Amino acid sequence: MVTRWFDIKDKALDLRQKGKSIRFVEKKLGIPRSTLSGWFKNIILTDTQLRILEAQHQKGMIKGRKNAVLWHNKQKELRIKLAHEEAIETLNQIDFNNNNILEVALAMLYLGEGSKDNSTSMGNTNPLILKFFISSMTKIFKIHKNNITCELHLRSDQNIDEIIKYWSKELTIQREKFSAVKDKRIVKSKTYPNYHGVCVVRCAGMAVLRRIVHLGEEFSKMVINTMD
């Protein structure tokens, strides 16, 4: 049976005999790969042609992987952008002048990250978390920054003065309000350049601690009850 590709079969065979790949011939002439495979089954390529085809195949795979990485990175960027836009949409519906909302946010953060013993304090490696903690505490409970102290927990190979300078600038708290302790047990592994230790911010007594912990617990219970 004569197929509609018969008139260009000789051209396809010629390209294959010259060492062209099936993929190349398929794209060049528009002939289905299944048809080409049947035509080419008796053509034996030279060792040189096979090496060239293998090199081209490997090059194509590398290019394909690079393109796949670029595609996945682009998709990730789009997902991050969408998540950010959704977050802003939610925040635009919140009244930031309402201290009740701010205090609930503080209470939930404190319930997860804050100290539950002796004083209202929170330790973290993330300056953003501690900035929010300080800002909300000063706004809600009228705590003056002069009454806030910070204790740094550092690795044995860290420079105390440099780390105090870093946290003082990040939290806009005077250096004299900082103290530091080093964990001398941590000596084997080198500290990452961007690691600035754990900063513990202390800013109020037990009365405030009890209030925000109870608020966080009761709010959690109310949310759970509304789901039942």
N, C-alpha and C. Protein backbone atom coordinates (compact mmCIF):
# COMPACT_ATOMS: atom_id res chain seq x y z
N MET A 1 0.85 -1.20 0.00
CA MET A 1 0.00 0.00 0.00
C MET A 1 0.89 1.25 0.00
N VAL A 2 0.58 2.20 -0.89
CA VAL A 2 1.35 3.43 -0.99
C VAL A 2 0.81 4.45 0.00
N THR A 3 1.69 4.92 0.88
CA THR A 3 1.26 5.93 1.85
C THR A 3 1.44 7.32 1.27
N ARG A 4 0.84 8.30 1.92
CA ARG A 4 0.94 9.67 1.42
C ARG A 4 2.34 10.25 1.59
N TRP A 5 3.23 9.49 2.30
CA TRP A 5 4.60 9.95 2.49
C TRP A 5 5.56 9.34 1.46
N PHE A 6 5.02 8.49 0.58
CA PHE A 6 5.89 7.70 -0.30
C PHE A 6 6.77 8.59 -1.18
N ASP A 7 6.22 9.71 -1.65
CA ASP A 7 6.95 10.57 -2.58
C ASP A 7 8.21 11.17 -1.95
N ILE A 8 8.26 11.25 -0.64
CA ILE A 8 9.44 11.84 0.00
C ILE A 8 10.23 10.79 0.80
N LYS A 9 9.92 9.53 0.55
CA LYS A 9 10.63 8.46 1.26
C LYS A 9 12.12 8.49 0.94
N ASP A 10 12.44 8.66 -0.35
CA ASP A 10 13.85 8.66 -0.74
C ASP A 10 14.62 9.78 -0.04
N LYS A 11 13.97 10.93 0.11
CA LYS A 11 14.62 12.05 0.79
C LYS A 11 14.87 11.72 2.26
N ALA A 12 13.88 11.05 2.87
CA ALA A 12 14.02 10.66 4.27
C ALA A 12 15.16 9.66 4.44
N LEU A 13 15.23 8.67 3.53
CA LEU A 13 16.29 7.66 3.59
C LEU A 13 17.66 8.30 3.40
N ASP A 14 17.73 9.27 2.51
CA ASP A 14 19.00 9.96 2.25
C ASP A 14 19.48 10.70 3.50
N LEU A 15 18.55 11.36 4.19
CA LEU A 15 18.91 12.08 5.41
C LEU A 15 19.40 11.12 6.49
N ARG A 16 18.74 9.99 6.60
CA ARG A 16 19.15 9.01 7.61
C ARG A 16 20.52 8.44 7.29
N GLN A 17 20.77 8.14 6.02
CA GLN A 17 22.07 7.60 5.61
C GLN A 17 23.20 8.61 5.83
N LYS A 18 22.83 9.88 5.87
CA LYS A 18 23.82 10.92 6.16
C LYS A 18 24.04 11.09 7.67
N GLY A 19 23.33 10.27 8.45
CA GLY A 19 23.55 10.27 9.90
C GLY A 19 22.61 11.15 10.69
N LYS A 20 21.52 11.61 10.06
CA LYS A 20 20.56 12.45 10.77
C LYS A 20 19.69 11.59 11.70
N SER A 21 19.29 12.17 12.80
CA SER A 21 18.46 11.44 13.76
C SER A 21 17.02 11.33 13.27
N ILE A 22 16.31 10.35 13.81
CA ILE A 22 14.89 10.19 13.45
C ILE A 22 14.12 11.45 13.82
N ARG A 23 14.45 12.03 14.95
CA ARG A 23 13.77 13.26 15.39
C ARG A 23 13.98 14.39 14.39
N PHE A 24 15.22 14.51 13.88
CA PHE A 24 15.53 15.56 12.91
C PHE A 24 14.70 15.38 11.65
N VAL A 25 14.69 14.13 11.13
CA VAL A 25 13.94 13.85 9.89
C VAL A 25 12.45 14.07 10.10
N GLU A 26 11.96 13.67 11.26
CA GLU A 26 10.55 13.85 11.58
C GLU A 26 10.16 15.33 11.53
N LYS A 27 10.99 16.18 12.13
CA LYS A 27 10.69 17.61 12.15
C LYS A 27 10.91 18.25 10.78
N LYS A 28 11.92 17.76 10.05
CA LYS A 28 12.26 18.33 8.75
C LYS A 28 11.19 18.05 7.71
N LEU A 29 10.69 16.81 7.67
CA LEU A 29 9.77 16.40 6.61
C LEU A 29 8.33 16.22 7.08
N GLY A 30 8.12 16.23 8.38
CA GLY A 30 6.76 16.08 8.89
C GLY A 30 6.21 14.67 8.79
N ILE A 31 7.11 13.69 8.74
CA ILE A 31 6.68 12.29 8.64
C ILE A 31 6.61 11.69 10.04
N PRO A 32 5.56 10.95 10.35
CA PRO A 32 5.43 10.35 11.69
C PRO A 32 6.64 9.47 12.03
N ARG A 33 7.02 9.47 13.30
CA ARG A 33 8.17 8.69 13.75
C ARG A 33 7.96 7.19 13.53
N SER A 34 6.74 6.73 13.70
CA SER A 34 6.46 5.30 13.51
C SER A 34 6.74 4.87 12.07
N THR A 35 6.41 5.75 11.12
CA THR A 35 6.68 5.46 9.71
C THR A 35 8.18 5.44 9.44
N LEU A 36 8.88 6.42 9.99
CA LEU A 36 10.33 6.51 9.79
C LEU A 36 11.05 5.31 10.38
N SER A 37 10.61 4.85 11.54
CA SER A 37 11.25 3.70 12.18
C SER A 37 11.20 2.48 11.27
N GLY A 38 10.08 2.30 10.59
CA GLY A 38 9.95 1.18 9.65
C GLY A 38 10.87 1.33 8.46
N TRP A 39 10.98 2.54 7.93
CA TRP A 39 11.84 2.78 6.77
C TRP A 39 13.32 2.61 7.10
N PHE A 40 13.69 3.01 8.32
CA PHE A 40 15.11 3.09 8.67
C PHE A 40 15.67 1.81 9.28
N LYS A 41 14.84 0.80 9.48
CA LYS A 41 15.28 -0.36 10.27
C LYS A 41 16.45 -1.11 9.64
N ASN A 42 16.61 -1.01 8.32
CA ASN A 42 17.70 -1.73 7.65
C ASN A 42 18.92 -0.85 7.37
N ILE A 43 18.86 0.41 7.79
CA ILE A 43 19.99 1.31 7.56
C ILE A 43 20.97 1.19 8.73
N ILE A 44 22.21 0.88 8.42
CA ILE A 44 23.25 0.74 9.45
C ILE A 44 24.15 1.98 9.41
N LEU A 45 24.18 2.69 10.52
CA LEU A 45 25.00 3.90 10.59
C LEU A 45 26.44 3.54 10.96
N THR A 46 27.37 4.39 10.55
CA THR A 46 28.78 4.18 10.89
C THR A 46 29.02 4.51 12.36
N ASP A 47 30.16 4.06 12.87
CA ASP A 47 30.50 4.36 14.27
C ASP A 47 30.58 5.87 14.50
N THR A 48 31.13 6.57 13.53
CA THR A 48 31.24 8.03 13.65
C THR A 48 29.86 8.67 13.73
N GLN A 49 28.95 8.22 12.86
CA GLN A 49 27.59 8.77 12.87
C GLN A 49 26.89 8.48 14.20
N LEU A 50 27.10 7.28 14.72
CA LEU A 50 26.48 6.92 16.00
C LEU A 50 27.02 7.78 17.14
N ARG A 51 28.34 8.05 17.10
CA ARG A 51 28.92 8.90 18.15
C ARG A 51 28.36 10.32 18.07
N ILE A 52 28.20 10.82 16.85
CA ILE A 52 27.65 12.17 16.67
C ILE A 52 26.21 12.23 17.18
N LEU A 53 25.42 11.20 16.85
CA LEU A 53 24.03 11.17 17.31
C LEU A 53 23.95 11.09 18.83
N GLU A 54 24.85 10.30 19.44
CA GLU A 54 24.86 10.18 20.89
C GLU A 54 25.23 11.52 21.54
N ALA A 55 26.22 12.20 20.95
CA ALA A 55 26.62 13.52 21.47
C ALA A 55 25.47 14.52 21.36
N GLN A 56 24.77 14.48 20.23
CA GLN A 56 23.62 15.37 20.05
C GLN A 56 22.51 15.05 21.05
N HIS A 57 22.33 13.74 21.29
CA HIS A 57 21.31 13.32 22.25
C HIS A 57 21.63 13.84 23.65
N GLN A 58 22.90 13.70 24.06
CA GLN A 58 23.31 14.18 25.38
C GLN A 58 23.16 15.69 25.48
N LYS A 59 23.53 16.39 24.41
CA LYS A 59 23.40 17.84 24.39
C LYS A 59 21.93 18.25 24.52
N GLY A 60 21.07 17.50 23.82
CA GLY A 60 19.63 17.79 23.90
C GLY A 60 19.08 17.55 25.29
N MET A 61 19.58 16.49 25.95
CA MET A 61 19.12 16.20 27.31
C MET A 61 19.52 17.30 28.28
N ILE A 62 20.76 17.79 28.13
CA ILE A 62 21.24 18.87 29.00
C ILE A 62 20.40 20.13 28.79
N LYS A 63 20.15 20.45 27.52
CA LYS A 63 19.32 21.62 27.20
C LYS A 63 17.91 21.45 27.75
N GLY A 64 17.39 20.21 27.63
CA GLY A 64 16.04 19.95 28.13
C GLY A 64 15.96 20.12 29.64
N ARG A 65 17.01 19.64 30.35
CA ARG A 65 17.02 19.80 31.81
C ARG A 65 17.10 21.26 32.20
N LYS A 66 17.92 22.03 31.47
CA LYS A 66 18.03 23.46 31.77
C LYS A 66 16.69 24.17 31.55
N ASN A 67 16.03 23.82 30.45
CA ASN A 67 14.72 24.42 30.16
C ASN A 67 13.70 24.03 31.22
N ALA A 68 13.79 22.77 31.70
CA ALA A 68 12.87 22.31 32.74
C ALA A 68 13.09 23.08 34.03
N VAL A 69 14.36 23.33 34.36
CA VAL A 69 14.68 24.10 35.57
C VAL A 69 14.14 25.51 35.45
N LEU A 70 14.34 26.13 34.28
CA LEU A 70 13.83 27.49 34.06
C LEU A 70 12.31 27.53 34.18
N TRP A 71 11.65 26.50 33.63
CA TRP A 71 10.18 26.45 33.68
C TRP A 71 9.71 26.31 35.11
N HIS A 72 10.33 25.41 35.86
CA HIS A 72 9.92 25.20 37.25
C HIS A 72 10.19 26.44 38.10
N ASN A 73 11.32 27.12 37.84
CA ASN A 73 11.61 28.35 38.58
C ASN A 73 10.58 29.42 38.28
N LYS A 74 10.18 29.51 37.01
CA LYS A 74 9.16 30.49 36.63
C LYS A 74 7.83 30.18 37.30
N GLN A 75 7.46 28.88 37.33
CA GLN A 75 6.22 28.48 37.99
C GLN A 75 6.28 28.78 39.48
N LYS A 76 7.44 28.57 40.08
CA LYS A 76 7.60 28.87 41.51
C LYS A 76 7.42 30.36 41.77
N GLU A 77 8.02 31.19 40.90
CA GLU A 77 7.87 32.64 41.03
C GLU A 77 6.41 33.05 40.96
N LEU A 78 5.67 32.44 40.04
CA LEU A 78 4.25 32.76 39.89
C LEU A 78 3.46 32.35 41.12
N ARG A 79 3.79 31.17 41.69
CA ARG A 79 3.10 30.71 42.90
C ARG A 79 3.40 31.61 44.09
N ILE A 80 4.65 32.05 44.20
CA ILE A 80 5.03 32.96 45.28
C ILE A 80 4.31 34.30 45.13
N LYS A 81 4.25 34.79 43.89
CA LYS A 81 3.55 36.06 43.63
C LYS A 81 2.08 35.95 43.99
N LEU A 82 1.44 34.83 43.62
CA LEU A 82 0.03 34.62 43.93
C LEU A 82 -0.19 34.57 45.44
N ALA A 83 0.69 33.86 46.16
CA ALA A 83 0.57 33.76 47.61
C ALA A 83 0.69 35.14 48.26
N HIS A 84 1.61 35.95 47.74
CA HIS A 84 1.80 37.31 48.28
C HIS A 84 0.56 38.16 48.03
N GLU A 85 0.01 38.07 46.82
CA GLU A 85 -1.18 38.86 46.49
C GLU A 85 -2.37 38.45 47.36
N GLU A 86 -2.51 37.15 47.61
CA GLU A 86 -3.61 36.67 48.47
C GLU A 86 -3.42 37.15 49.90
N ALA A 87 -2.16 37.19 50.37
CA ALA A 87 -1.89 37.68 51.72
C ALA A 87 -2.25 39.15 51.84
N ILE A 88 -1.86 39.95 50.85
CA ILE A 88 -2.16 41.38 50.86
C ILE A 88 -3.67 41.62 50.82
N GLU A 89 -4.38 40.79 50.05
CA GLU A 89 -5.84 40.92 49.96
C GLU A 89 -6.49 40.70 51.32
N THR A 90 -5.99 39.72 52.06
CA THR A 90 -6.51 39.47 53.41
C THR A 90 -6.17 40.63 54.35
N LEU A 91 -4.93 41.10 54.29
CA LEU A 91 -4.49 42.18 55.19
C LEU A 91 -5.24 43.48 54.92
N ASN A 92 -5.63 43.71 53.68
CA ASN A 92 -6.37 44.93 53.35
C ASN A 92 -7.74 45.00 54.03
N GLN A 93 -8.20 43.86 54.54
CA GLN A 93 -9.50 43.83 55.21
C GLN A 93 -9.38 43.98 56.73
N ILE A 94 -8.15 44.18 57.21
CA ILE A 94 -7.92 44.27 58.65
C ILE A 94 -7.73 45.72 59.07
N ASP A 95 -8.32 46.10 60.18
CA ASP A 95 -8.15 47.43 60.76
C ASP A 95 -6.95 47.38 61.71
N PHE A 96 -5.83 47.93 61.27
CA PHE A 96 -4.61 47.86 62.08
C PHE A 96 -4.63 48.84 63.25
N ASN A 97 -5.64 49.67 63.32
CA ASN A 97 -5.79 50.55 64.49
C ASN A 97 -6.58 49.88 65.61
N ASN A 98 -7.08 48.69 65.34
CA ASN A 98 -7.84 47.94 66.35
C ASN A 98 -6.86 47.12 67.19
N ASN A 99 -6.65 47.57 68.44
CA ASN A 99 -5.69 46.90 69.31
C ASN A 99 -6.11 45.49 69.69
N ASN A 100 -7.41 45.20 69.64
CA ASN A 100 -7.87 43.85 69.96
C ASN A 100 -7.34 42.84 68.95
N ILE A 101 -7.37 43.23 67.68
CA ILE A 101 -6.84 42.35 66.63
C ILE A 101 -5.33 42.16 66.81
N LEU A 102 -4.65 43.27 67.08
CA LEU A 102 -3.20 43.20 67.28
C LEU A 102 -2.84 42.33 68.47
N GLU A 103 -3.62 42.45 69.55
CA GLU A 103 -3.32 41.67 70.75
C GLU A 103 -3.56 40.18 70.53
N VAL A 104 -4.58 39.84 69.75
CA VAL A 104 -4.82 38.42 69.44
C VAL A 104 -3.66 37.87 68.61
N ALA A 105 -3.20 38.66 67.63
CA ALA A 105 -2.05 38.22 66.82
C ALA A 105 -0.83 38.02 67.70
N LEU A 106 -0.60 38.96 68.62
CA LEU A 106 0.52 38.84 69.56
C LEU A 106 0.37 37.60 70.43
N ALA A 107 -0.83 37.38 70.93
CA ALA A 107 -1.08 36.24 71.82
C ALA A 107 -0.82 34.91 71.11
N MET A 108 -1.25 34.80 69.86
CA MET A 108 -1.04 33.56 69.13
C MET A 108 0.45 33.32 68.84
N LEU A 109 1.15 34.40 68.50
CA LEU A 109 2.60 34.26 68.31
C LEU A 109 3.26 33.86 69.62
N TYR A 110 2.87 34.52 70.70
CA TYR A 110 3.50 34.24 72.00
C TYR A 110 3.20 32.83 72.47
N LEU A 111 2.00 32.37 72.21
CA LEU A 111 1.63 31.01 72.62
C LEU A 111 2.57 29.98 71.99
N GLY A 112 3.01 30.26 70.78
CA GLY A 112 3.91 29.33 70.10
C GLY A 112 5.38 29.59 70.36
N GLU A 113 5.78 30.86 70.50
CA GLU A 113 7.20 31.20 70.54
C GLU A 113 7.68 31.79 71.86
N GLY A 114 6.78 32.29 72.69
CA GLY A 114 7.19 33.02 73.88
C GLY A 114 7.52 32.14 75.07
N SER A 115 8.26 32.72 76.02
CA SER A 115 8.58 32.03 77.26
C SER A 115 7.35 31.99 78.16
N LYS A 116 7.19 30.89 78.88
CA LYS A 116 6.04 30.74 79.79
C LYS A 116 6.47 30.82 81.25
N ASP A 117 7.73 31.17 81.53
CA ASP A 117 8.26 31.19 82.90
C ASP A 117 8.77 32.57 83.28
N ASN A 118 8.35 33.05 84.42
CA ASN A 118 8.93 34.21 85.13
C ASN A 118 8.71 35.58 84.49
N SER A 119 8.87 35.72 83.18
CA SER A 119 8.74 37.05 82.56
C SER A 119 8.19 36.93 81.15
N THR A 120 7.72 38.07 80.65
CA THR A 120 7.24 38.11 79.27
C THR A 120 8.45 38.29 78.36
N SER A 121 8.85 37.23 77.71
CA SER A 121 10.05 37.29 76.87
C SER A 121 9.91 36.33 75.70
N MET A 122 10.68 36.61 74.68
CA MET A 122 10.63 35.76 73.48
C MET A 122 12.02 35.68 72.87
N GLY A 123 12.44 34.48 72.51
CA GLY A 123 13.71 34.29 71.85
C GLY A 123 13.52 33.80 70.43
N ASN A 124 14.34 34.32 69.52
CA ASN A 124 14.22 33.92 68.12
C ASN A 124 15.48 34.29 67.36
N THR A 125 15.67 33.65 66.22
CA THR A 125 16.78 34.01 65.33
C THR A 125 16.34 34.98 64.24
N ASN A 126 15.03 35.16 64.11
CA ASN A 126 14.46 35.98 63.03
C ASN A 126 14.15 37.39 63.54
N PRO A 127 14.86 38.41 63.06
CA PRO A 127 14.60 39.78 63.52
C PRO A 127 13.16 40.22 63.30
N LEU A 128 12.51 39.78 62.22
CA LEU A 128 11.14 40.19 61.94
C LEU A 128 10.19 39.78 63.05
N ILE A 129 10.35 38.56 63.56
CA ILE A 129 9.50 38.07 64.65
C ILE A 129 9.67 38.95 65.88
N LEU A 130 10.91 39.26 66.22
CA LEU A 130 11.17 40.06 67.42
C LEU A 130 10.77 41.52 67.24
N LYS A 131 10.88 42.04 66.02
CA LYS A 131 10.41 43.40 65.76
C LYS A 131 8.90 43.49 65.99
N PHE A 132 8.17 42.50 65.50
CA PHE A 132 6.72 42.48 65.72
C PHE A 132 6.42 42.37 67.21
N PHE A 133 7.13 41.50 67.90
CA PHE A 133 6.92 41.32 69.34
C PHE A 133 7.12 42.63 70.09
N ILE A 134 8.22 43.32 69.81
CA ILE A 134 8.52 44.59 70.49
C ILE A 134 7.49 45.65 70.12
N SER A 135 7.18 45.78 68.84
CA SER A 135 6.23 46.81 68.38
C SER A 135 4.85 46.62 69.00
N SER A 136 4.37 45.39 69.01
CA SER A 136 3.03 45.13 69.56
C SER A 136 3.02 45.29 71.07
N MET A 137 4.08 44.89 71.76
CA MET A 137 4.15 45.05 73.22
C MET A 137 4.17 46.53 73.61
N THR A 138 4.95 47.33 72.87
CA THR A 138 5.02 48.75 73.20
C THR A 138 3.71 49.47 72.89
N LYS A 139 3.03 49.05 71.83
CA LYS A 139 1.77 49.71 71.47
C LYS A 139 0.63 49.32 72.40
N ILE A 140 0.51 48.03 72.71
CA ILE A 140 -0.62 47.55 73.51
C ILE A 140 -0.44 47.84 74.99
N PHE A 141 0.76 47.57 75.49
CA PHE A 141 0.99 47.67 76.94
C PHE A 141 1.81 48.88 77.35
N LYS A 142 2.07 49.77 76.38
CA LYS A 142 2.77 51.04 76.65
C LYS A 142 4.12 50.82 77.32
N ILE A 143 4.81 49.79 76.92
CA ILE A 143 6.12 49.49 77.48
C ILE A 143 7.17 50.34 76.77
N HIS A 144 8.00 51.02 77.53
CA HIS A 144 9.03 51.87 76.95
C HIS A 144 10.24 51.02 76.56
N LYS A 145 10.87 51.39 75.46
CA LYS A 145 12.01 50.61 75.00
C LYS A 145 13.17 50.61 75.99
N ASN A 146 13.24 51.64 76.84
CA ASN A 146 14.30 51.68 77.85
C ASN A 146 14.16 50.56 78.87
N ASN A 147 12.96 49.98 78.95
CA ASN A 147 12.72 48.90 79.91
C ASN A 147 12.87 47.51 79.27
N ILE A 148 13.29 47.50 78.02
CA ILE A 148 13.49 46.23 77.31
C ILE A 148 14.96 45.84 77.37
N THR A 149 15.22 44.59 77.70
CA THR A 149 16.59 44.07 77.69
C THR A 149 16.67 42.87 76.74
N CYS A 150 17.87 42.62 76.26
CA CYS A 150 18.06 41.51 75.32
C CYS A 150 19.25 40.65 75.74
N GLU A 151 19.06 39.37 75.64
CA GLU A 151 20.13 38.43 75.96
C GLU A 151 20.42 37.58 74.73
N LEU A 152 21.68 37.56 74.32
CA LEU A 152 22.07 36.81 73.13
C LEU A 152 22.69 35.48 73.52
N HIS A 153 22.24 34.43 72.85
CA HIS A 153 22.80 33.09 73.05
C HIS A 153 23.58 32.74 71.79
N LEU A 154 24.91 32.67 71.94
CA LEU A 154 25.79 32.55 70.78
C LEU A 154 26.60 31.26 70.81
N ARG A 155 27.13 30.94 69.64
CA ARG A 155 28.06 29.83 69.53
C ARG A 155 29.45 30.30 69.96
N SER A 156 30.30 29.36 70.26
CA SER A 156 31.61 29.69 70.84
C SER A 156 32.51 30.49 69.90
N ASP A 157 32.29 30.37 68.58
CA ASP A 157 33.18 31.05 67.63
C ASP A 157 32.63 32.39 67.15
N GLN A 158 31.56 32.88 67.76
CA GLN A 158 30.97 34.15 67.30
C GLN A 158 31.54 35.34 68.06
N ASN A 159 31.65 36.46 67.34
CA ASN A 159 32.16 37.70 67.91
C ASN A 159 31.03 38.45 68.61
N ILE A 160 31.13 38.58 69.93
CA ILE A 160 30.04 39.18 70.71
C ILE A 160 29.74 40.60 70.28
N ASP A 161 30.78 41.42 70.11
CA ASP A 161 30.57 42.83 69.75
C ASP A 161 29.87 42.97 68.40
N GLU A 162 30.27 42.16 67.43
CA GLU A 162 29.64 42.23 66.10
C GLU A 162 28.18 41.81 66.15
N ILE A 163 27.88 40.78 66.93
CA ILE A 163 26.50 40.30 67.01
C ILE A 163 25.62 41.29 67.76
N ILE A 164 26.15 41.89 68.82
CA ILE A 164 25.38 42.93 69.53
C ILE A 164 25.09 44.10 68.60
N LYS A 165 26.09 44.50 67.82
CA LYS A 165 25.91 45.60 66.85
C LYS A 165 24.80 45.26 65.87
N TYR A 166 24.78 44.01 65.39
CA TYR A 166 23.76 43.58 64.43
C TYR A 166 22.36 43.67 65.04
N TRP A 167 22.17 43.06 66.22
CA TRP A 167 20.84 43.04 66.83
C TRP A 167 20.40 44.42 67.31
N SER A 168 21.34 45.22 67.77
CA SER A 168 21.01 46.58 68.20
C SER A 168 20.46 47.40 67.04
N LYS A 169 21.07 47.24 65.88
CA LYS A 169 20.60 47.96 64.69
C LYS A 169 19.26 47.42 64.22
N GLU A 170 19.09 46.10 64.21
CA GLU A 170 17.85 45.49 63.74
C GLU A 170 16.66 45.87 64.63
N LEU A 171 16.86 45.84 65.93
CA LEU A 171 15.75 46.06 66.87
C LEU A 171 15.66 47.49 67.37
N THR A 172 16.61 48.34 66.94
CA THR A 172 16.70 49.73 67.40
C THR A 172 16.65 49.82 68.92
N ILE A 173 17.48 49.02 69.55
CA ILE A 173 17.62 49.02 71.01
C ILE A 173 19.08 49.30 71.33
N GLN A 174 19.33 50.16 72.32
CA GLN A 174 20.69 50.57 72.65
C GLN A 174 21.56 49.37 73.03
N ARG A 175 22.83 49.45 72.68
CA ARG A 175 23.75 48.33 72.90
C ARG A 175 23.89 47.96 74.37
N GLU A 176 23.82 48.97 75.23
CA GLU A 176 23.99 48.68 76.66
C GLU A 176 22.86 47.83 77.23
N LYS A 177 21.79 47.67 76.46
CA LYS A 177 20.67 46.83 76.90
C LYS A 177 20.91 45.35 76.56
N PHE A 178 22.05 45.05 75.94
CA PHE A 178 22.34 43.68 75.52
C PHE A 178 23.36 43.02 76.44
N SER A 179 23.15 41.74 76.65
CA SER A 179 24.15 40.89 77.28
C SER A 179 24.28 39.64 76.41
N ALA A 180 25.32 38.87 76.63
CA ALA A 180 25.53 37.70 75.76
C ALA A 180 26.15 36.55 76.53
N VAL A 181 25.75 35.36 76.16
CA VAL A 181 26.35 34.14 76.71
C VAL A 181 26.72 33.24 75.54
N LYS A 182 27.84 32.53 75.69
CA LYS A 182 28.29 31.61 74.65
C LYS A 182 28.13 30.17 75.10
N ASP A 183 27.72 29.34 74.17
CA ASP A 183 27.63 27.91 74.44
C ASP A 183 28.96 27.28 74.03
N LYS A 184 29.81 27.03 75.00
CA LYS A 184 31.15 26.51 74.71
C LYS A 184 31.13 25.06 74.26
N ARG A 185 29.97 24.42 74.37
CA ARG A 185 29.88 23.03 73.92
C ARG A 185 29.88 22.94 72.40
N ILE A 186 29.48 24.03 71.74
CA ILE A 186 29.37 24.01 70.28
C ILE A 186 30.69 24.48 69.68
N VAL A 187 31.58 23.56 69.43
CA VAL A 187 32.91 23.93 68.92
C VAL A 187 33.29 23.17 67.65
N LYS A 188 32.62 22.07 67.35
CA LYS A 188 33.04 21.22 66.24
C LYS A 188 32.70 21.80 64.88
N SER A 189 31.45 22.22 64.69
CA SER A 189 31.03 22.72 63.37
C SER A 189 31.13 24.24 63.31
N LYS A 190 31.47 24.74 62.13
CA LYS A 190 31.63 26.17 61.93
C LYS A 190 30.28 26.85 61.81
N THR A 191 30.17 28.06 62.35
CA THR A 191 28.92 28.82 62.29
C THR A 191 28.69 29.38 60.89
N TYR A 192 27.44 29.32 60.42
CA TYR A 192 27.10 29.91 59.12
C TYR A 192 27.27 31.42 59.19
N PRO A 193 27.75 32.05 58.10
CA PRO A 193 28.02 33.50 58.11
C PRO A 193 26.80 34.35 58.47
N ASN A 194 25.61 33.93 58.06
CA ASN A 194 24.41 34.73 58.29
C ASN A 194 23.68 34.37 59.59
N TYR A 195 24.30 33.54 60.41
CA TYR A 195 23.68 33.17 61.68
C TYR A 195 24.12 34.15 62.76
N HIS A 196 23.15 34.79 63.42
CA HIS A 196 23.46 35.81 64.42
C HIS A 196 22.99 35.41 65.81
N GLY A 197 22.91 34.12 66.04
CA GLY A 197 22.54 33.64 67.36
C GLY A 197 21.06 33.78 67.65
N VAL A 198 20.70 33.43 68.87
CA VAL A 198 19.31 33.58 69.34
C VAL A 198 19.25 34.81 70.22
N CYS A 199 18.35 35.71 69.91
CA CYS A 199 18.15 36.92 70.72
C CYS A 199 16.89 36.75 71.56
N VAL A 200 17.05 36.86 72.88
CA VAL A 200 15.90 36.77 73.79
C VAL A 200 15.54 38.17 74.26
N VAL A 201 14.35 38.61 73.93
CA VAL A 201 13.86 39.94 74.30
C VAL A 201 12.98 39.83 75.53
N ARG A 202 13.35 40.57 76.59
CA ARG A 202 12.56 40.58 77.83
C ARG A 202 11.97 41.97 78.01
N CYS A 203 10.64 42.02 78.22
CA CYS A 203 10.03 43.35 78.25
C CYS A 203 8.91 43.54 79.26
N ALA A 204 8.49 42.52 79.99
CA ALA A 204 7.40 42.71 80.96
C ALA A 204 7.40 41.56 81.96
N GLY A 205 6.56 41.72 83.01
CA GLY A 205 6.51 40.73 84.07
C GLY A 205 5.43 39.69 83.87
N MET A 206 5.08 39.03 84.97
CA MET A 206 4.16 37.91 84.93
C MET A 206 2.73 38.31 84.59
N ALA A 207 2.32 39.52 84.96
CA ALA A 207 0.94 39.93 84.71
C ALA A 207 0.63 39.95 83.21
N VAL A 208 1.53 40.53 82.45
CA VAL A 208 1.36 40.57 80.99
C VAL A 208 1.46 39.17 80.41
N LEU A 209 2.41 38.39 80.92
CA LEU A 209 2.57 37.01 80.46
C LEU A 209 1.28 36.23 80.61
N ARG A 210 0.68 36.30 81.80
CA ARG A 210 -0.56 35.55 82.04
C ARG A 210 -1.67 36.01 81.09
N ARG A 211 -1.76 37.31 80.89
CA ARG A 211 -2.83 37.87 80.05
C ARG A 211 -2.75 37.34 78.62
N ILE A 212 -1.57 37.45 78.00
CA ILE A 212 -1.48 37.08 76.59
C ILE A 212 -1.52 35.56 76.39
N VAL A 213 -1.00 34.80 77.35
CA VAL A 213 -1.08 33.34 77.24
C VAL A 213 -2.52 32.88 77.33
N HIS A 214 -3.26 33.43 78.31
CA HIS A 214 -4.68 33.06 78.45
C HIS A 214 -5.48 33.50 77.22
N LEU A 215 -5.15 34.67 76.70
CA LEU A 215 -5.84 35.16 75.51
C LEU A 215 -5.61 34.20 74.33
N GLY A 216 -4.37 33.78 74.15
CA GLY A 216 -4.06 32.85 73.07
C GLY A 216 -4.77 31.52 73.23
N GLU A 217 -4.79 31.02 74.46
CA GLU A 217 -5.45 29.73 74.71
C GLU A 217 -6.96 29.81 74.50
N GLU A 218 -7.58 30.87 75.03
CA GLU A 218 -9.04 31.00 74.92
C GLU A 218 -9.46 31.25 73.47
N PHE A 219 -8.67 32.04 72.75
CA PHE A 219 -8.99 32.28 71.35
C PHE A 219 -8.91 30.97 70.56
N SER A 220 -7.89 30.18 70.84
CA SER A 220 -7.74 28.89 70.16
C SER A 220 -8.95 27.99 70.42
N LYS A 221 -9.39 27.95 71.68
CA LYS A 221 -10.54 27.12 72.05
C LYS A 221 -11.81 27.59 71.33
N MET A 222 -11.99 28.92 71.25
CA MET A 222 -13.18 29.45 70.59
C MET A 222 -13.20 29.09 69.10
N VAL A 223 -12.04 29.18 68.46
CA VAL A 223 -11.96 28.83 67.05
C VAL A 223 -12.28 27.35 66.86
N ILE A 224 -11.72 26.51 67.72
CA ILE A 224 -11.98 25.07 67.64
C ILE A 224 -13.46 24.77 67.84
N ASN A 225 -14.08 25.45 68.80
CA ASN A 225 -15.50 25.21 69.09
C ASN A 225 -16.40 25.61 67.93
N THR A 226 -16.01 26.66 67.20
CA THR A 226 -16.83 27.08 66.06
C THR A 226 -16.75 26.08 64.91
N MET A 227 -15.72 25.23 64.92
CA MET A 227 -15.55 24.23 63.87
C MET A 227 -16.32 22.95 64.16
N ASP A 228 -16.71 22.75 65.41
CA ASP A 228 -17.42 21.51 65.80
C ASP A 228 -18.86 21.51 65.29
